[in-house]
Amino acid sequence: MKFAHFLTAALLLSAVNSNAQKATSPKPFNHLAPSKNTKTAARPKLIVGVVVDQMRWDYLYRYNSRYGAGGFKRLLQEGFSCENTLINYTPTITACGHTCVYTGSVPAIHGIIGNTWYSPALGRTVYCAEDSTVTTVGSNSAAGKMSPRNMLVTTIGDELKLSNNFQSKVIGVAIKDRGAILPAGHSANAAFWYDGGTGNWVSSTYYMQELPAWAQAFNQQKYPQQYLSKPWTTLYPVSTYTLSTADEKPYEGKYKNASNSSFPHDLSELANTAISASPFGNTMTLEFAKKALEAYELGKGPVTDLLAISLSSPDYVGHQFGPNSIEAEDTYLRLDQDLATLFKYLDAKVGKGQYLFFITADHGVAHVPGFMAENKLPGGTWDDRAALKTVNEQVAAKFGVNNAVTATDNYQFWLNHAAIEQAGKSEADIRQFIIRELLKSPAIAKAFPIDNLMGTTLPEPMRTMLSNGFNTKRSGDIQVILTPGYIDGGNTGTTHGLWYPYDAHIPLVWMGWGIHPGKTNRTIGMTDITPTLAALLHIQMPSGNVGQVIQEITH
């Protein structure tokens, strides 16, 4: 009886499984007659990525009451904000940030360890995008001797092109060459940047042999002179800028030939160079990007295209005046208007809901030390060049080795290994002596041999960030960590580059195709942007990717 029940149950289960298999199993593939149920995964027509150079996360909210409805407020209302996005490497510097956003990688892997770094093999400092094998297109200057060849990995743009046999079009646009070149990637159709010496937008022979007619026509319009024909005055009455310090502060930088740092700023005689350090540099960049979108017919083809825009001007303004200045506030109020104009343009040209937009930053920025002192907050300055000179003098006096340290950059020191060996001295002894001397400065919280990173007592996330930033072949020998609130700079203006939240906490907001409104406070890394794009596009992530997919934005 038990066997009969078992046999009946087995036959019933077999019948159920057989029917289920018939219902769920796909039909045999016929390459001549695909199934009518087969669907191609929907993708956006265009991805527009905007990196705002030096945008602290808190700018999303600090000036929110003054923003209009169509810019940052639209982003936060219609988009998905990753509120706790952090840079997960150090140094937090422009070239590193732009590279990480579009590669999902870190300096330890992609090789862009700073805007510049010292090369012992070449005996000189290397610029991140330098390339002596190419020449400028669009002017007679050397501004175009640039390419992405120093970047060791692929970008999301490269992978996008690889996914469809290079049918996708990828364009990079920025005032800074590195802000256009590194995001666009190795296989980009083009990258364009601004040559302040001539007032022209240029490129290099890495991408093309002649500047396109539309770009030449743009240059002929002399936009820098148009934008700065009148002084830069505040968008609203200066008395309403209550979220900023007073207009004139001794710790703010001045424009060339200016007698003070106050509004109005007459930049007409410096238009070609000064437009970069004004909010109108953003406007000009976005206007050029629109022309590029139209010329390359981005978003018009059967595959997804990518437009990588970097807005460099907030960085120039921020370095000169600091994040609490009226100049910084006015720059973001004007950027808000520029973004509203951009979104309307994209809605009309590409179609609302047909493009995927994201905005982020390459780094934040520290408060000006003078502002900190004024408000009884901790901070100060450190001069790496002066420190280099001092330690070399000290080593020469104690060990008899001249120029024992060849260079300093990115909060690192490079030892002169050949000179130390030739003098017959112990490199370990000299290195430890230098570290002891450096630690006497209140500006330095920690100094240690980089090759002993894992053996040095460091809290998280500092250790991981330093490890992610250490490239065996390009980094220096001694790592310096400044005390919180200290900057490597002078008495006016400010800078960035450290692991602290003011430099590492950046905005990340997504909007458009496939994105639902919302936000998350989960900690997300800058390197998570690219794998998220790859997942949305159903393509392979770049070759050096270490990031994770941000799943919340589409759920």
Protein backbone atom coordinates (compact mmCIF):
# COMPACT_ATOMS: atom_id res chain seq x y z
CA MET A 1 0.00 0.00 0.00
CA LYS A 2 2.77 2.37 0.93
CA PHE A 3 4.50 1.57 -2.38
CA ALA A 4 1.28 2.28 -4.32
CA HIS A 5 0.92 5.66 -2.62
CA PHE A 6 4.58 6.44 -3.35
CA LEU A 7 4.20 5.43 -7.01
CA THR A 8 1.07 7.55 -7.42
CA ALA A 9 2.79 10.55 -5.83
CA ALA A 10 5.86 10.10 -8.02
CA LEU A 11 3.76 9.93 -11.19
CA LEU A 12 1.83 13.05 -10.19
CA LEU A 13 5.08 14.91 -9.40
CA SER A 14 6.54 13.84 -12.74
CA ALA A 15 3.46 15.11 -14.56
CA VAL A 16 3.58 18.45 -12.72
CA ASN A 17 7.30 18.88 -13.46
CA SER A 18 6.77 17.98 -17.11
CA ASN A 19 3.98 20.54 -17.49
CA ALA A 20 5.98 23.16 -15.64
CA GLN A 21 8.98 22.55 -17.87
CA LYS A 22 6.82 22.89 -20.98
CA ALA A 23 5.42 26.15 -19.62
CA THR A 24 8.73 27.72 -18.58
CA SER A 25 11.42 26.30 -20.88
CA PRO A 26 12.41 28.61 -23.77
CA LYS A 27 11.86 27.45 -27.32
CA PRO A 28 14.94 26.31 -29.25
CA PHE A 29 16.79 29.35 -30.63
CA ASN A 30 16.26 29.99 -34.31
CA HIS A 31 18.62 32.65 -35.61
CA LEU A 32 16.47 33.10 -38.69
CA ALA A 33 13.18 33.54 -36.87
CA PRO A 34 13.63 34.91 -33.30
CA SER A 35 10.79 34.33 -30.88
CA LYS A 36 8.13 37.04 -30.81
CA ASN A 37 8.59 37.12 -27.02
CA THR A 38 12.25 38.17 -27.33
CA LYS A 39 12.77 41.78 -26.16
CA THR A 40 15.80 44.03 -26.41
CA ALA A 41 16.71 45.59 -23.06
CA ALA A 42 15.66 49.23 -23.02
CA ARG A 43 18.49 51.71 -22.64
CA PRO A 44 18.70 55.51 -22.39
CA LYS A 45 19.44 57.43 -25.57
CA LEU A 46 22.10 59.48 -23.82
CA ILE A 47 24.03 59.56 -20.57
CA VAL A 48 25.02 63.01 -19.38
CA GLY A 49 27.51 63.05 -16.51
CA VAL A 50 28.37 66.34 -14.83
CA VAL A 51 31.31 66.58 -12.44
CA VAL A 52 31.32 69.90 -10.59
CA ASP A 53 34.92 70.61 -9.69
CA GLN A 54 35.20 71.25 -5.92
CA MET A 55 31.49 70.89 -5.08
CA ARG A 56 31.05 70.06 -1.42
CA TRP A 57 28.00 67.89 -0.67
CA ASP A 58 26.50 70.54 1.60
CA TYR A 59 26.09 72.99 -1.31
CA LEU A 60 23.01 70.96 -2.30
CA TYR A 61 21.31 72.24 0.85
CA ARG A 62 23.21 75.28 2.10
CA TYR A 63 21.78 77.53 -0.62
CA ASN A 64 18.63 75.49 -1.24
CA SER A 65 16.27 78.26 -0.12
CA ARG A 66 17.76 80.48 -2.83
CA TYR A 67 17.69 77.96 -5.66
CA GLY A 68 15.00 78.09 -8.33
CA ALA A 69 12.61 75.25 -9.15
CA GLY A 70 14.36 73.95 -12.26
CA GLY A 71 17.95 73.29 -11.16
CA PHE A 72 19.16 71.66 -7.95
CA LYS A 73 15.61 71.51 -6.57
CA ARG A 74 14.41 69.60 -9.63
CA LEU A 75 17.31 67.21 -9.20
CA LEU A 76 16.41 66.50 -5.59
CA GLN A 77 12.66 66.26 -6.25
CA GLU A 78 12.72 64.14 -9.41
CA GLY A 79 16.02 62.35 -8.85
CA PHE A 80 17.62 59.93 -6.42
CA SER A 81 20.23 61.37 -4.08
CA CYS A 82 23.02 59.26 -2.57
CA GLU A 83 23.48 61.54 0.43
CA ASN A 84 26.50 59.87 1.97
CA THR A 85 28.77 59.45 -1.04
CA LEU A 86 32.44 59.49 -0.08
CA ILE A 87 35.69 59.41 -1.99
CA ASN A 88 37.33 56.12 -1.02
CA TYR A 89 40.98 56.94 -1.71
CA THR A 90 43.41 59.75 -1.09
CA PRO A 91 44.64 62.24 -2.30
CA THR A 92 41.31 63.88 -3.09
CA ILE A 93 42.58 65.76 -6.13
CA THR A 94 41.00 66.72 -9.46
CA ALA A 95 42.63 64.25 -11.86
CA CYS A 96 42.13 61.34 -9.46
CA GLY A 97 38.47 62.21 -8.94
CA HIS A 98 37.56 62.55 -12.60
CA THR A 99 39.30 59.27 -13.35
CA CYS A 100 37.64 57.38 -10.50
CA VAL A 101 34.13 58.60 -11.37
CA TYR A 102 34.36 57.16 -14.88
CA THR A 103 36.50 54.07 -14.23
CA GLY A 104 35.14 52.78 -10.93
CA SER A 105 38.79 52.33 -10.03
CA VAL A 106 41.32 53.89 -7.64
CA PRO A 107 44.78 55.46 -8.14
CA ALA A 108 46.48 52.28 -6.97
CA ILE A 109 45.12 50.62 -10.10
CA HIS A 110 44.37 53.28 -12.71
CA GLY A 111 47.66 55.10 -12.13
CA ILE A 112 46.41 58.70 -11.97
CA ILE A 113 47.76 59.43 -8.48
CA GLY A 114 47.45 63.22 -8.70
CA ASN A 115 47.33 66.11 -11.12
CA THR A 116 51.10 65.68 -11.16
CA TRP A 117 53.63 63.31 -9.64
CA TYR A 118 57.38 62.90 -9.62
CA SER A 119 58.96 60.31 -11.92
CA PRO A 120 62.39 59.11 -10.71
CA ALA A 121 62.94 57.46 -14.10
CA LEU A 122 62.44 60.76 -15.94
CA GLY A 123 63.92 62.90 -13.19
CA ARG A 124 61.05 65.36 -13.41
CA THR A 125 57.41 65.97 -12.55
CA VAL A 126 54.85 64.33 -14.82
CA TYR A 127 51.48 65.91 -15.64
CA CYS A 128 48.56 63.49 -15.59
CA ALA A 129 47.46 64.06 -19.20
CA GLU A 130 50.74 65.05 -20.84
CA ASP A 131 51.62 63.44 -24.17
CA SER A 132 54.60 64.65 -26.20
CA THR A 133 53.57 62.53 -29.20
CA VAL A 134 50.52 64.69 -30.01
CA THR A 135 50.02 68.36 -30.87
CA THR A 136 47.37 71.00 -30.31
CA VAL A 137 44.34 71.24 -32.55
CA GLY A 138 42.64 74.65 -32.49
CA SER A 139 45.53 76.93 -31.48
CA ASN A 140 49.28 77.31 -31.86
CA SER A 141 49.98 76.83 -28.15
CA ALA A 142 51.09 73.69 -26.32
CA ALA A 143 47.74 73.41 -24.52
CA GLY A 144 46.73 70.47 -26.68
CA LYS A 145 49.73 68.22 -26.10
CA MET A 146 47.48 65.98 -24.04
CA SER A 147 45.87 62.53 -24.14
CA PRO A 148 44.58 59.82 -21.77
CA ARG A 149 47.63 57.57 -22.25
CA ASN A 150 48.82 57.89 -18.61
CA MET A 151 45.54 56.30 -17.48
CA LEU A 152 46.08 52.54 -17.21
CA VAL A 153 42.47 51.27 -17.33
CA THR A 154 39.32 51.61 -19.40
CA THR A 155 36.44 53.97 -18.65
CA ILE A 156 32.69 53.40 -18.80
CA GLY A 157 32.76 55.21 -22.16
CA ASP A 158 35.32 52.73 -23.47
CA GLU A 159 33.20 49.82 -22.29
CA LEU A 160 30.09 51.36 -23.81
CA LYS A 161 31.82 51.55 -27.18
CA LEU A 162 33.21 48.01 -26.81
CA SER A 163 29.70 46.70 -26.09
CA ASN A 164 28.38 47.59 -29.56
CA ASN A 165 31.48 47.50 -31.74
CA PHE A 166 32.19 51.22 -31.26
CA GLN A 167 28.83 52.49 -32.48
CA SER A 168 28.29 54.64 -29.35
CA LYS A 169 29.66 58.17 -29.40
CA VAL A 170 31.55 59.49 -26.38
CA ILE A 171 32.51 63.16 -25.92
CA GLY A 172 34.31 64.93 -23.07
CA VAL A 173 34.05 68.71 -22.43
CA ALA A 174 35.68 70.82 -19.70
CA ILE A 175 37.70 73.97 -19.20
CA LYS A 176 40.47 71.84 -17.66
CA ASP A 177 42.10 69.41 -20.07
CA ARG A 178 42.17 66.64 -17.44
CA GLY A 179 38.46 67.20 -16.74
CA ALA A 180 37.63 66.43 -20.37
CA ILE A 181 40.26 63.84 -21.32
CA LEU A 182 40.24 61.39 -18.42
CA PRO A 183 36.43 60.99 -18.17
CA ALA A 184 36.06 60.56 -21.93
CA GLY A 185 38.48 57.63 -21.98
CA HIS A 186 40.87 56.12 -24.48
CA SER A 187 38.47 55.46 -27.34
CA ALA A 188 36.44 58.68 -27.13
CA ASN A 189 35.29 60.31 -30.33
CA ALA A 190 36.60 63.60 -29.00
CA ALA A 191 37.56 65.63 -25.95
CA PHE A 192 37.62 69.42 -25.89
CA TRP A 193 39.07 71.84 -23.35
CA TYR A 194 39.77 75.54 -22.98
CA ASP A 195 43.06 77.22 -23.82
CA GLY A 196 43.17 80.29 -21.59
CA GLY A 197 46.18 81.66 -23.39
CA THR A 198 44.31 82.06 -26.68
CA GLY A 199 40.68 82.07 -25.57
CA ASN A 200 39.96 79.06 -27.82
CA TRP A 201 38.46 75.66 -27.17
CA VAL A 202 40.99 73.10 -28.36
CA SER A 203 41.68 69.40 -28.70
CA SER A 204 44.68 67.29 -29.73
CA THR A 205 45.79 65.12 -32.62
CA TYR A 206 45.07 62.12 -30.39
CA TYR A 207 41.42 62.67 -31.40
CA MET A 208 41.46 64.63 -34.66
CA GLN A 209 43.62 66.47 -37.16
CA GLU A 210 41.49 69.59 -37.43
CA LEU A 211 39.09 71.37 -35.11
CA PRO A 212 35.51 70.83 -36.35
CA ALA A 213 33.84 73.75 -38.12
CA TRP A 214 31.23 74.10 -35.38
CA ALA A 215 33.98 74.44 -32.72
CA GLN A 216 35.83 76.99 -34.87
CA ALA A 217 32.60 78.96 -35.19
CA PHE A 218 32.16 78.83 -31.40
CA ASN A 219 35.67 80.21 -30.89
CA GLN A 220 34.98 83.03 -33.34
CA GLN A 221 32.13 84.22 -31.13
CA LYS A 222 34.69 85.31 -28.48
CA TYR A 223 32.49 84.19 -25.60
CA PRO A 224 34.97 85.15 -22.84
CA GLN A 225 34.83 88.78 -23.96
CA GLN A 226 31.04 88.64 -24.26
CA TYR A 227 30.54 87.21 -20.77
CA LEU A 228 33.03 89.54 -19.09
CA SER A 229 32.32 92.72 -21.00
CA LYS A 230 30.54 93.83 -17.83
CA PRO A 231 31.88 93.39 -14.29
CA TRP A 232 30.91 90.31 -12.33
CA THR A 233 28.29 91.56 -9.89
CA THR A 234 26.13 89.49 -7.56
CA LEU A 235 22.99 87.94 -9.02
CA TYR A 236 20.95 89.43 -6.17
CA PRO A 237 21.60 92.42 -3.86
CA VAL A 238 24.81 91.74 -2.01
CA SER A 239 23.07 92.39 1.32
CA THR A 240 20.99 89.23 0.80
CA TYR A 241 24.05 86.95 0.86
CA THR A 242 23.68 86.26 4.57
CA LEU A 243 24.92 82.66 4.24
CA SER A 244 28.40 83.94 3.43
CA THR A 245 31.08 86.01 5.13
CA ALA A 246 31.51 89.74 4.57
CA ASP A 247 32.55 90.68 1.04
CA GLU A 248 36.06 91.85 1.88
CA LYS A 249 38.25 89.48 3.88
CA PRO A 250 42.04 89.51 4.22
CA TYR A 251 42.19 85.74 3.66
CA GLU A 252 40.52 85.93 0.24
CA GLY A 253 42.63 85.98 -2.91
CA LYS A 254 42.54 88.81 -5.45
CA TYR A 255 42.33 88.77 -9.21
CA LYS A 256 45.42 89.93 -11.06
CA ASN A 257 45.85 93.71 -10.85
CA ALA A 258 42.87 94.04 -8.44
CA SER A 259 43.26 96.20 -5.34
CA ASN A 260 40.72 94.24 -3.28
CA SER A 261 38.68 91.03 -3.25
CA SER A 262 35.24 92.68 -3.24
CA PHE A 263 32.42 92.92 -5.76
CA PRO A 264 32.17 94.11 -8.45
CA HIS A 265 34.98 92.24 -10.19
CA ASP A 266 36.05 93.91 -13.41
CA LEU A 267 37.63 91.11 -15.44
CA SER A 268 37.29 92.58 -18.94
CA GLU A 269 41.04 92.99 -19.45
CA LEU A 270 41.66 89.40 -18.29
CA ALA A 271 38.71 87.81 -20.09
CA ASN A 272 40.50 84.88 -21.71
CA THR A 273 42.08 83.70 -18.48
CA ALA A 274 39.68 85.09 -15.89
CA ILE A 275 36.54 83.49 -17.30
CA SER A 276 37.74 80.19 -15.86
CA ALA A 277 37.70 81.72 -12.38
CA SER A 278 34.18 83.13 -12.69
CA PRO A 279 30.71 81.55 -12.78
CA PHE A 280 30.49 82.39 -16.47
CA GLY A 281 33.03 79.66 -17.14
CA ASN A 282 30.25 77.19 -16.28
CA THR A 283 27.87 78.91 -18.68
CA MET A 284 30.43 78.88 -21.49
CA THR A 285 31.25 75.21 -20.88
CA LEU A 286 27.61 74.15 -21.02
CA GLU A 287 27.03 76.16 -24.18
CA PHE A 288 29.99 74.44 -25.81
CA ALA A 289 28.69 71.05 -24.62
CA LYS A 290 25.32 71.74 -26.26
CA LYS A 291 27.04 72.52 -29.55
CA ALA A 292 28.97 69.25 -29.27
CA LEU A 293 25.78 67.33 -28.53
CA GLU A 294 24.17 68.71 -31.68
CA ALA A 295 27.24 68.30 -33.90
CA TYR A 296 27.78 64.66 -32.95
CA GLU A 297 24.02 64.00 -32.87
CA LEU A 298 24.29 62.47 -29.42
CA GLY A 299 21.20 60.57 -28.40
CA LYS A 300 19.92 60.31 -31.98
CA GLY A 301 21.25 56.87 -32.93
CA PRO A 302 20.20 53.29 -32.18
CA VAL A 303 22.65 52.96 -29.26
CA THR A 304 23.41 54.90 -26.08
CA ASP A 305 25.85 57.82 -26.28
CA LEU A 306 27.79 59.49 -23.47
CA LEU A 307 28.50 63.17 -22.83
CA ALA A 308 30.96 63.76 -19.98
CA ILE A 309 30.98 67.38 -18.78
CA SER A 310 33.20 68.83 -16.08
CA LEU A 311 32.50 72.29 -14.69
CA SER A 312 35.91 73.59 -13.66
CA SER A 313 35.06 77.15 -12.61
CA PRO A 314 33.80 76.41 -9.07
CA ASP A 315 37.25 75.03 -8.30
CA TYR A 316 39.03 78.18 -9.43
CA VAL A 317 36.59 80.39 -7.51
CA GLY A 318 36.77 78.16 -4.43
CA HIS A 319 40.56 78.09 -4.33
CA GLN A 320 40.73 81.87 -4.54
CA PHE A 321 37.92 82.92 -2.22
CA GLY A 322 37.02 79.86 -0.13
CA PRO A 323 33.73 78.02 0.44
CA ASN A 324 32.22 80.67 2.72
CA SER A 325 32.65 83.59 0.36
CA ILE A 326 29.96 85.55 -1.43
CA GLU A 327 31.76 84.62 -4.64
CA ALA A 328 31.21 80.91 -3.94
CA GLU A 329 27.54 81.45 -3.10
CA ASP A 330 26.95 83.53 -6.22
CA THR A 331 28.70 80.90 -8.33
CA TYR A 332 26.30 78.21 -7.13
CA LEU A 333 23.23 80.41 -7.49
CA ARG A 334 24.22 81.03 -11.10
CA LEU A 335 25.08 77.34 -11.61
CA ASP A 336 21.58 76.51 -10.41
CA GLN A 337 20.20 78.62 -13.24
CA ASP A 338 22.61 77.06 -15.73
CA LEU A 339 21.45 73.57 -14.71
CA ALA A 340 17.79 74.55 -15.12
CA THR A 341 18.60 75.75 -18.64
CA LEU A 342 20.49 72.52 -19.36
CA PHE A 343 17.63 70.31 -18.20
CA LYS A 344 15.13 72.18 -20.38
CA TYR A 345 17.49 71.81 -23.32
CA LEU A 346 17.92 68.07 -22.76
CA ASP A 347 14.17 67.62 -22.34
CA ALA A 348 13.63 69.26 -25.73
CA LYS A 349 16.59 67.80 -27.65
CA VAL A 350 16.72 64.26 -26.28
CA GLY A 351 13.36 63.87 -24.58
CA LYS A 352 12.38 63.90 -20.92
CA GLY A 353 12.89 60.44 -19.51
CA GLN A 354 15.05 59.44 -22.49
CA TYR A 355 18.38 60.54 -21.00
CA LEU A 356 20.12 59.45 -17.81
CA PHE A 357 21.72 62.32 -15.91
CA PHE A 358 23.99 62.25 -12.90
CA ILE A 359 25.86 64.99 -11.06
CA THR A 360 28.75 64.54 -8.67
CA ALA A 361 32.09 66.16 -7.75
CA ASP A 362 35.74 65.24 -8.02
CA HIS A 363 36.41 66.41 -4.44
CA GLY A 364 35.26 68.87 -1.80
CA VAL A 365 37.31 71.61 -0.16
CA ALA A 366 38.62 72.76 3.23
CA HIS A 367 37.62 75.98 4.91
CA VAL A 368 40.14 78.81 4.58
CA PRO A 369 42.46 78.66 7.62
CA GLY A 370 42.00 82.41 8.16
CA PHE A 371 38.25 81.89 8.36
CA MET A 372 38.79 79.05 10.84
CA ALA A 373 41.00 81.20 13.05
CA GLU A 374 38.51 84.06 12.86
CA ASN A 375 35.84 81.75 14.27
CA LYS A 376 38.06 79.99 16.85
CA LEU A 377 38.07 76.74 14.90
CA PRO A 378 41.15 74.48 14.57
CA GLY A 379 43.25 74.71 11.43
CA GLY A 380 46.32 76.21 9.87
CA THR A 381 48.73 76.06 6.93
CA TRP A 382 51.67 73.95 5.86
CA ASP A 383 54.10 74.60 3.02
CA ASP A 384 55.37 71.40 1.42
CA ARG A 385 58.04 73.23 -0.58
CA ALA A 386 59.43 74.85 2.55
CA ALA A 387 59.34 71.47 4.31
CA LEU A 388 61.30 69.91 1.42
CA LYS A 389 63.97 72.59 1.67
CA THR A 390 64.22 72.22 5.45
CA VAL A 391 64.54 68.43 5.54
CA ASN A 392 67.18 68.49 2.82
CA GLU A 393 69.21 70.99 4.86
CA GLN A 394 68.80 68.85 7.99
CA VAL A 395 69.80 65.62 6.23
CA ALA A 396 72.82 67.32 4.66
CA ALA A 397 73.96 68.58 8.06
CA LYS A 398 73.52 65.23 9.84
CA PHE A 399 74.36 62.66 7.16
CA GLY A 400 76.35 64.63 4.58
CA VAL A 401 73.91 63.76 1.78
CA ASN A 402 72.85 66.64 -0.46
CA ASN A 403 69.37 66.72 -1.96
CA ALA A 404 68.33 63.53 -0.18
CA VAL A 405 64.71 64.28 -1.08
CA THR A 406 64.14 65.00 -4.76
CA ALA A 407 60.49 66.05 -4.75
CA THR A 408 57.26 66.49 -2.83
CA ASP A 409 53.76 66.19 -4.26
CA ASN A 410 50.38 64.81 -3.22
CA TYR A 411 51.45 64.85 0.45
CA GLN A 412 54.37 62.52 -0.33
CA PHE A 413 58.16 62.81 -0.47
CA TRP A 414 60.41 61.04 -3.00
CA LEU A 415 63.86 60.03 -1.76
CA ASN A 416 67.00 60.41 -3.86
CA HIS A 417 67.96 56.73 -3.68
CA ALA A 418 71.03 57.12 -5.90
CA ALA A 419 72.52 59.97 -3.84
CA ILE A 420 71.95 58.14 -0.56
CA GLU A 421 73.51 54.95 -1.92
CA GLN A 422 76.46 56.79 -3.41
CA ALA A 423 77.13 58.43 -0.03
CA GLY A 424 77.10 55.00 1.60
CA LYS A 425 74.42 55.99 4.09
CA SER A 426 71.50 53.98 5.44
CA GLU A 427 68.31 54.84 3.62
CA ALA A 428 66.25 53.53 6.54
CA ASP A 429 68.08 55.81 8.99
CA ILE A 430 67.64 58.87 6.77
CA ARG A 431 63.97 58.09 6.20
CA GLN A 432 63.25 57.75 9.91
CA PHE A 433 65.18 60.96 10.63
CA ILE A 434 63.07 62.85 8.07
CA ILE A 435 59.88 61.46 9.59
CA ARG A 436 60.91 62.53 13.10
CA GLU A 437 61.67 66.04 11.87
CA LEU A 438 58.39 66.31 9.94
CA LEU A 439 56.37 65.22 12.98
CA LYS A 440 57.67 68.21 14.95
CA SER A 441 55.29 70.40 12.95
CA PRO A 442 51.78 70.86 14.43
CA ALA A 443 50.48 70.69 10.85
CA ILE A 444 51.49 67.04 10.50
CA ALA A 445 49.41 64.41 12.26
CA LYS A 446 51.20 61.39 10.83
CA ALA A 447 54.23 60.57 8.69
CA PHE A 448 55.47 57.11 7.80
CA PRO A 449 57.21 55.08 5.08
CA ILE A 450 54.65 54.28 2.42
CA ASP A 451 55.90 50.74 1.98
CA ASN A 452 55.06 50.17 5.66
CA LEU A 453 51.45 51.31 5.22
CA MET A 454 49.94 48.06 6.43
CA GLY A 455 52.24 47.97 9.45
CA THR A 456 51.46 51.53 10.53
CA THR A 457 48.77 52.15 13.15
CA LEU A 458 45.97 53.94 11.29
CA PRO A 459 42.20 54.09 11.82
CA GLU A 460 39.66 53.27 9.15
CA PRO A 461 38.77 54.58 6.66
CA MET A 462 42.16 56.32 6.54
CA ARG A 463 44.14 53.12 5.99
CA THR A 464 41.93 51.90 3.14
CA MET A 465 41.92 55.32 1.48
CA LEU A 466 45.70 55.54 1.62
CA SER A 467 46.06 52.00 0.32
CA ASN A 468 43.69 52.75 -2.57
CA GLY A 469 45.78 55.81 -3.41
CA PHE A 470 49.18 54.08 -3.33
CA ASN A 471 50.53 53.09 -6.73
CA THR A 472 53.69 51.01 -6.45
CA LYS A 473 55.37 52.44 -9.55
CA ARG A 474 54.32 56.09 -9.25
CA SER A 475 53.91 56.98 -5.57
CA GLY A 476 56.61 58.42 -3.31
CA ASP A 477 58.51 57.02 -0.31
CA ILE A 478 57.18 58.97 2.68
CA GLN A 479 53.49 59.71 3.30
CA VAL A 480 52.36 62.78 5.22
CA ILE A 481 48.90 63.23 6.77
CA LEU A 482 48.02 66.77 7.76
CA THR A 483 46.18 67.61 10.97
CA PRO A 484 42.43 68.24 10.51
CA GLY A 485 41.75 71.78 9.30
CA TYR A 486 45.28 72.30 7.96
CA ILE A 487 45.96 72.86 4.27
CA ASP A 488 49.04 72.84 2.08
CA GLY A 489 48.91 76.50 1.10
CA GLY A 490 49.36 80.14 2.03
CA ASN A 491 47.46 82.80 3.92
CA THR A 492 44.81 83.42 1.26
CA GLY A 493 42.42 80.98 -0.34
CA THR A 494 42.19 77.26 0.32
CA THR A 495 42.68 73.81 -1.18
CA HIS A 496 41.83 70.12 -0.86
CA GLY A 497 43.47 66.71 -1.08
CA LEU A 498 43.05 65.00 2.30
CA TRP A 499 40.93 62.09 3.52
CA TYR A 500 38.77 64.22 5.84
CA PRO A 501 35.01 64.57 5.13
CA TYR A 502 35.27 68.20 4.02
CA ASP A 503 37.44 67.00 1.12
CA ALA A 504 35.88 63.56 0.62
CA HIS A 505 32.09 64.00 1.05
CA ILE A 506 30.64 64.70 -2.40
CA PRO A 507 27.15 64.98 -3.93
CA LEU A 508 25.75 62.22 -6.14
CA VAL A 509 22.27 62.68 -7.61
CA TRP A 510 20.74 60.65 -10.45
CA MET A 511 17.81 61.78 -12.59
CA GLY A 512 15.95 60.68 -15.70
CA TRP A 513 15.81 57.33 -17.47
CA GLY A 514 15.19 54.40 -15.12
CA ILE A 515 15.54 56.50 -11.94
CA HIS A 516 12.82 56.88 -9.32
CA PRO A 517 12.75 59.75 -6.80
CA GLY A 518 14.26 59.12 -3.40
CA LYS A 519 17.42 59.13 -1.37
CA THR A 520 19.67 56.88 0.68
CA ASN A 521 21.97 57.64 3.59
CA ARG A 522 23.90 54.41 3.10
CA THR A 523 27.62 54.98 2.66
CA ILE A 524 28.47 54.83 -1.03
CA GLY A 525 31.87 55.16 -2.67
CA MET A 526 32.77 57.39 -5.60
CA THR A 527 33.86 54.19 -7.33
CA ASP A 528 30.25 52.89 -7.23
CA ILE A 529 29.11 55.30 -9.96
CA THR A 530 30.61 53.43 -12.90
CA PRO A 531 29.50 49.86 -12.02
CA THR A 532 26.00 51.27 -11.51
CA LEU A 533 26.07 52.73 -15.00
CA ALA A 534 27.36 49.42 -16.35
CA ALA A 535 24.53 47.52 -14.67
CA LEU A 536 21.89 49.93 -16.01
CA LEU A 537 23.33 49.63 -19.52
CA HIS A 538 23.83 45.85 -19.36
CA ILE A 539 27.51 46.18 -20.29
CA GLN A 540 30.82 45.10 -18.81
CA MET A 541 32.33 47.29 -16.10
CA PRO A 542 35.73 48.92 -16.80
CA SER A 543 38.93 46.91 -16.49
CA GLY A 544 40.06 48.34 -13.13
CA ASN A 545 36.66 48.60 -11.45
CA VAL A 546 36.51 48.02 -7.68
CA GLY A 547 33.09 49.58 -7.01
CA GLN A 548 29.69 48.07 -6.26
CA VAL A 549 26.30 48.63 -7.92
CA ILE A 550 24.03 51.15 -6.17
CA GLN A 551 20.87 49.05 -6.24
CA GLU A 552 18.55 51.53 -4.53
CA ILE A 553 18.34 53.99 -7.41
CA THR A 554 16.09 51.78 -9.56
CA HIS A 555 14.19 49.79 -6.89
